[in-house]
Amino acid sequence: MRFFFLLRGIKRRYISLFSAWPTSLNPPSISIFAIMKYLIVSDIHGSLPALEAVLQQFDAGRYDMLCLMGDILNYGPRNGLPEGLNPQAIVERLNPLADRIVALRGNCDSEVDQMLLDFPLMSDYVLLVDEGKRLFLTHGHIYNEEKLPRCGFEAFFYGHTHLQVLKKDAEGRLICNTGSPTFPKGGNPKTYASYEHGQVTIHLLDGTPLQTLSID
C-alpha cells in the first residue's frame, strides 16, 4: 500500500507517521510531496513600486519561491526612467528573501549588481525540475523562441521583450514570456506569471489571472 500526501507547508522533510502501527503488520510506505508554488517575473528594471506590487502578491499567494529572470536593478538606456526608480531599496527588499529566490542574469544586470545582492544572479539560465517537469528559465537575450536551448524541457520561460506570451510550440512544449511589471510593451498590461502543479498562469499586478495553460 502506498500513500501520497500533497502538503504545501512541508518542504524537504520526512515525517514519521504510524509510529503505533502494529509490529505484526507491514507498515505502509508513505511518500510526502510538497507542491511548490513559484512566482516568476522578469524586467523589474529598478522600479520599487513594481517590485512592491509583485511582493504583495508573493505574500498574498503564499508562494514558495520567487524566480527573477533578469533586469532587476537597472533600467537600461533604451527605456525611459521607470516609476519609483530605486535600485538600493530593491536590494534591501530582496536580500532578506535570498533563501527563497532563484535568479538569473539579464542583459542589463552586471557584476556590480551581484556585489549588492545576497543571491546568485550571473547565470544565463536556470533549469528547475518540479514533479518531474523541467522548467527552463532564462532572460531572453541569449535563448528565446527563435533560439531555444537544445536541452530537454517541458516549459520555457523568458522575458526581455516585455511582451507577454503563453502558448504551446509545434512540439507541444509550453512557452511563456512573463511580460514586465514595469515597462510592458505592445499595449499589454503589467504582468508576472506563476507556476504550480503543471499549470502556468499570467497575472495582472493585482493578482487577477489573465491566461492559464497546463504543461500536459
Protein backbone atom coordinates (compact mmCIF):
# COMPACT_ATOMS: atom_id res chain seq x y z
CA MET A 1 0.00 0.00 0.00
CA ARG A 2 1.36 3.42 -0.93
CA PHE A 3 0.03 6.79 0.25
CA PHE A 4 0.77 10.12 -1.40
CA PHE A 5 0.35 13.26 0.68
CA LEU A 6 0.35 16.61 -1.11
CA LEU A 7 1.10 19.17 1.58
CA ARG A 8 2.07 22.78 0.95
CA GLY A 9 3.70 23.56 4.28
CA ILE A 10 6.22 20.71 4.33
CA LYS A 11 9.37 21.20 2.28
CA ARG A 12 12.12 18.59 2.05
CA ARG A 13 11.15 16.99 5.35
CA TYR A 14 10.18 13.45 6.22
CA ILE A 15 7.63 12.91 8.96
CA SER A 16 7.42 9.71 10.95
CA LEU A 17 3.81 8.58 10.78
CA PHE A 18 2.06 5.47 12.03
CA SER A 19 4.51 5.15 14.93
CA ALA A 20 1.96 2.97 16.66
CA TRP A 21 1.48 0.70 13.64
CA PRO A 22 1.24 -2.92 14.88
CA THR A 23 4.59 -4.68 14.63
CA SER A 24 2.85 -7.77 13.27
CA LEU A 25 1.84 -5.87 10.15
CA ASN A 26 3.99 -4.38 7.46
CA PRO A 27 3.72 -0.58 7.77
CA PRO A 28 2.50 1.33 4.73
CA SER A 29 5.05 3.02 2.51
CA ILE A 30 4.47 6.76 2.80
CA SER A 31 5.70 9.36 0.35
CA ILE A 32 5.21 13.02 1.23
CA PHE A 33 5.37 15.53 -1.60
CA ALA A 34 5.19 19.29 -1.23
CA ILE A 35 3.52 21.17 -4.04
CA MET A 36 5.86 24.07 -4.71
CA LYS A 37 4.36 27.34 -5.88
CA TYR A 38 6.55 29.68 -7.94
CA LEU A 39 6.10 33.37 -8.77
CA ILE A 40 8.06 34.11 -11.95
CA VAL A 41 8.82 37.67 -13.02
CA SER A 42 11.19 39.47 -15.37
CA ASP A 43 12.25 43.02 -16.18
CA ILE A 44 11.61 44.94 -12.96
CA HIS A 45 14.21 47.47 -14.15
CA GLY A 46 14.77 49.19 -10.82
CA SER A 47 11.14 50.16 -10.16
CA LEU A 48 10.39 49.89 -6.46
CA PRO A 49 6.58 50.23 -6.90
CA ALA A 50 6.64 47.37 -9.41
CA LEU A 51 8.62 45.16 -7.04
CA GLU A 52 6.35 46.04 -4.11
CA ALA A 53 3.30 45.04 -6.15
CA VAL A 54 4.94 41.73 -7.04
CA LEU A 55 5.99 41.05 -3.45
CA GLN A 56 2.48 41.82 -2.23
CA GLN A 57 1.21 39.03 -4.49
CA PHE A 58 4.11 36.80 -3.43
CA ASP A 59 2.95 37.07 0.17
CA ALA A 60 -0.79 37.02 -0.50
CA GLY A 61 -0.49 33.98 -2.77
CA ARG A 62 1.72 32.11 -0.30
CA TYR A 63 4.34 31.39 -2.93
CA ASP A 64 7.34 29.25 -2.01
CA MET A 65 9.91 30.62 -4.46
CA LEU A 66 10.45 33.93 -6.24
CA CYS A 67 12.04 33.46 -9.67
CA LEU A 68 13.68 36.62 -11.03
CA MET A 69 14.54 36.34 -14.72
CA GLY A 70 16.91 39.28 -15.03
CA ASP A 71 17.00 43.06 -15.46
CA ILE A 72 16.33 43.57 -11.77
CA LEU A 73 18.07 46.80 -10.74
CA ASN A 74 18.90 48.76 -13.91
CA TYR A 75 16.52 50.30 -16.42
CA GLY A 76 18.78 50.31 -19.49
CA PRO A 77 19.45 53.11 -22.00
CA ARG A 78 16.65 52.03 -24.35
CA ASN A 79 13.97 52.55 -21.70
CA GLY A 80 12.79 55.73 -20.05
CA LEU A 81 13.08 56.28 -16.32
CA PRO A 82 10.76 53.85 -14.54
CA GLU A 83 8.31 54.94 -11.91
CA GLY A 84 9.94 54.93 -8.47
CA LEU A 85 13.47 54.12 -9.66
CA ASN A 86 15.28 52.98 -6.51
CA PRO A 87 17.78 50.13 -7.00
CA GLN A 88 19.13 50.35 -3.46
CA ALA A 89 15.67 49.95 -1.95
CA ILE A 90 15.09 46.94 -4.20
CA VAL A 91 18.29 45.38 -2.87
CA GLU A 92 17.08 45.99 0.69
CA ARG A 93 13.73 44.34 -0.07
CA LEU A 94 15.14 41.31 -1.89
CA ASN A 95 18.15 40.36 0.23
CA PRO A 96 16.06 39.22 3.25
CA LEU A 97 14.31 36.81 0.83
CA ALA A 98 17.56 35.39 -0.56
CA ASP A 99 16.82 31.82 0.57
CA ARG A 100 13.55 31.88 -1.39
CA ILE A 101 14.89 33.46 -4.58
CA VAL A 102 16.10 31.86 -7.81
CA ALA A 103 17.62 34.47 -10.11
CA LEU A 104 19.46 34.74 -13.40
CA ARG A 105 21.20 37.43 -15.43
CA GLY A 106 19.52 39.76 -17.89
CA ASN A 107 21.25 41.99 -20.42
CA CYS A 108 21.04 44.97 -18.01
CA ASP A 109 22.48 43.13 -15.00
CA SER A 110 26.15 43.48 -14.08
CA GLU A 111 28.80 42.21 -11.70
CA VAL A 112 28.27 45.36 -9.65
CA ASP A 113 24.65 44.31 -9.16
CA GLN A 114 25.84 40.91 -7.95
CA MET A 115 28.04 42.60 -5.35
CA LEU A 116 24.91 44.13 -3.81
CA LEU A 117 22.67 41.08 -3.90
CA ASP A 118 22.88 38.15 -1.49
CA PHE A 119 21.66 35.54 -4.00
CA PRO A 120 23.37 34.28 -7.19
CA LEU A 121 22.48 36.35 -10.25
CA MET A 122 25.02 35.80 -13.00
CA SER A 123 23.82 32.55 -14.60
CA ASP A 124 22.35 32.78 -18.11
CA TYR A 125 19.64 30.25 -17.28
CA VAL A 126 18.15 28.12 -14.52
CA LEU A 127 16.68 24.65 -15.01
CA LEU A 128 14.11 23.80 -12.36
CA VAL A 129 12.69 20.30 -12.04
CA ASP A 130 9.31 20.18 -10.31
CA GLU A 131 7.33 16.94 -10.05
CA GLY A 132 9.42 15.60 -12.92
CA LYS A 133 8.64 18.61 -15.15
CA ARG A 134 11.65 20.53 -16.47
CA LEU A 135 11.24 24.30 -16.41
CA PHE A 136 13.86 26.26 -18.35
CA LEU A 137 14.12 29.87 -17.17
CA THR A 138 16.21 32.49 -18.98
CA HIS A 139 16.11 36.22 -19.64
CA GLY A 140 15.60 36.06 -23.39
CA HIS A 141 18.56 37.88 -24.88
CA ILE A 142 20.51 34.63 -25.36
CA TYR A 143 17.81 31.95 -25.50
CA ASN A 144 14.33 32.80 -26.77
CA GLU A 145 11.56 31.50 -29.03
CA GLU A 146 13.76 31.87 -32.10
CA LYS A 147 16.75 30.26 -30.38
CA LEU A 148 15.54 27.61 -27.98
CA PRO A 149 18.08 25.61 -25.96
CA ARG A 150 18.79 22.07 -27.12
CA CYS A 151 18.37 20.54 -23.69
CA GLY A 152 15.06 18.89 -22.87
CA PHE A 153 12.30 20.82 -21.15
CA GLU A 154 8.54 20.83 -20.77
CA ALA A 155 8.20 24.59 -20.20
CA PHE A 156 10.30 27.53 -21.38
CA PHE A 157 10.09 30.87 -19.52
CA TYR A 158 11.67 34.11 -20.64
CA GLY A 159 11.28 37.91 -20.60
CA HIS A 160 13.38 40.63 -22.27
CA THR A 161 10.85 41.68 -24.93
CA HIS A 162 8.29 42.87 -22.34
CA LEU A 163 5.62 41.16 -24.47
CA GLN A 164 3.62 38.54 -22.60
CA VAL A 165 3.17 35.16 -24.29
CA LEU A 166 1.58 31.92 -23.14
CA LYS A 167 1.21 29.15 -25.72
CA LYS A 168 2.40 25.73 -26.90
CA ASP A 169 5.01 25.39 -29.63
CA ALA A 170 4.86 22.93 -32.53
CA GLU A 171 6.35 20.20 -30.33
CA GLY A 172 3.79 20.72 -27.58
CA ARG A 173 6.16 22.47 -25.18
CA LEU A 174 4.82 25.34 -23.11
CA ILE A 175 6.28 28.78 -23.94
CA CYS A 176 5.79 31.67 -21.52
CA ASN A 177 7.02 35.25 -21.68
CA THR A 178 6.04 36.77 -18.35
CA GLY A 179 5.91 40.33 -19.71
CA SER A 180 7.09 43.13 -17.41
CA PRO A 181 5.67 44.72 -14.24
CA THR A 182 7.43 47.98 -15.16
CA PHE A 183 7.69 48.50 -18.93
CA PRO A 184 5.06 46.38 -20.71
CA LYS A 185 5.06 46.81 -24.48
CA GLY A 186 2.62 46.24 -27.32
CA GLY A 187 -0.27 47.70 -25.37
CA ASN A 188 -0.05 44.91 -22.80
CA PRO A 189 -0.71 45.42 -19.07
CA LYS A 190 1.89 44.98 -16.35
CA THR A 191 2.24 41.28 -15.60
CA TYR A 192 4.02 38.41 -13.89
CA ALA A 193 3.49 34.63 -14.05
CA SER A 194 3.01 31.75 -11.66
CA TYR A 195 3.68 28.03 -11.82
CA GLU A 196 2.07 25.35 -9.68
CA HIS A 197 1.47 21.65 -10.26
CA GLY A 198 1.99 21.78 -14.02
CA GLN A 199 -0.07 24.91 -14.57
CA VAL A 200 1.20 28.32 -15.72
CA THR A 201 -0.83 31.49 -15.26
CA ILE A 202 -0.12 35.06 -16.34
CA HIS A 203 -1.42 37.60 -13.81
CA LEU A 204 -2.03 41.30 -13.58
CA LEU A 205 -0.15 43.01 -10.75
CA ASP A 206 -3.25 42.83 -8.54
CA GLY A 207 -3.20 39.05 -8.91
CA THR A 208 -6.04 38.80 -11.44
CA PRO A 209 -5.38 35.84 -13.78
CA LEU A 210 -5.28 36.72 -17.48
CA GLN A 211 -4.46 33.36 -19.08
CA THR A 212 -3.75 29.84 -17.87
CA LEU A 213 -2.18 26.90 -19.66
CA SER A 214 -1.16 23.45 -18.43
CA ILE A 215 2.00 21.62 -19.44
CA ASP A 216 0.09 18.38 -20.07
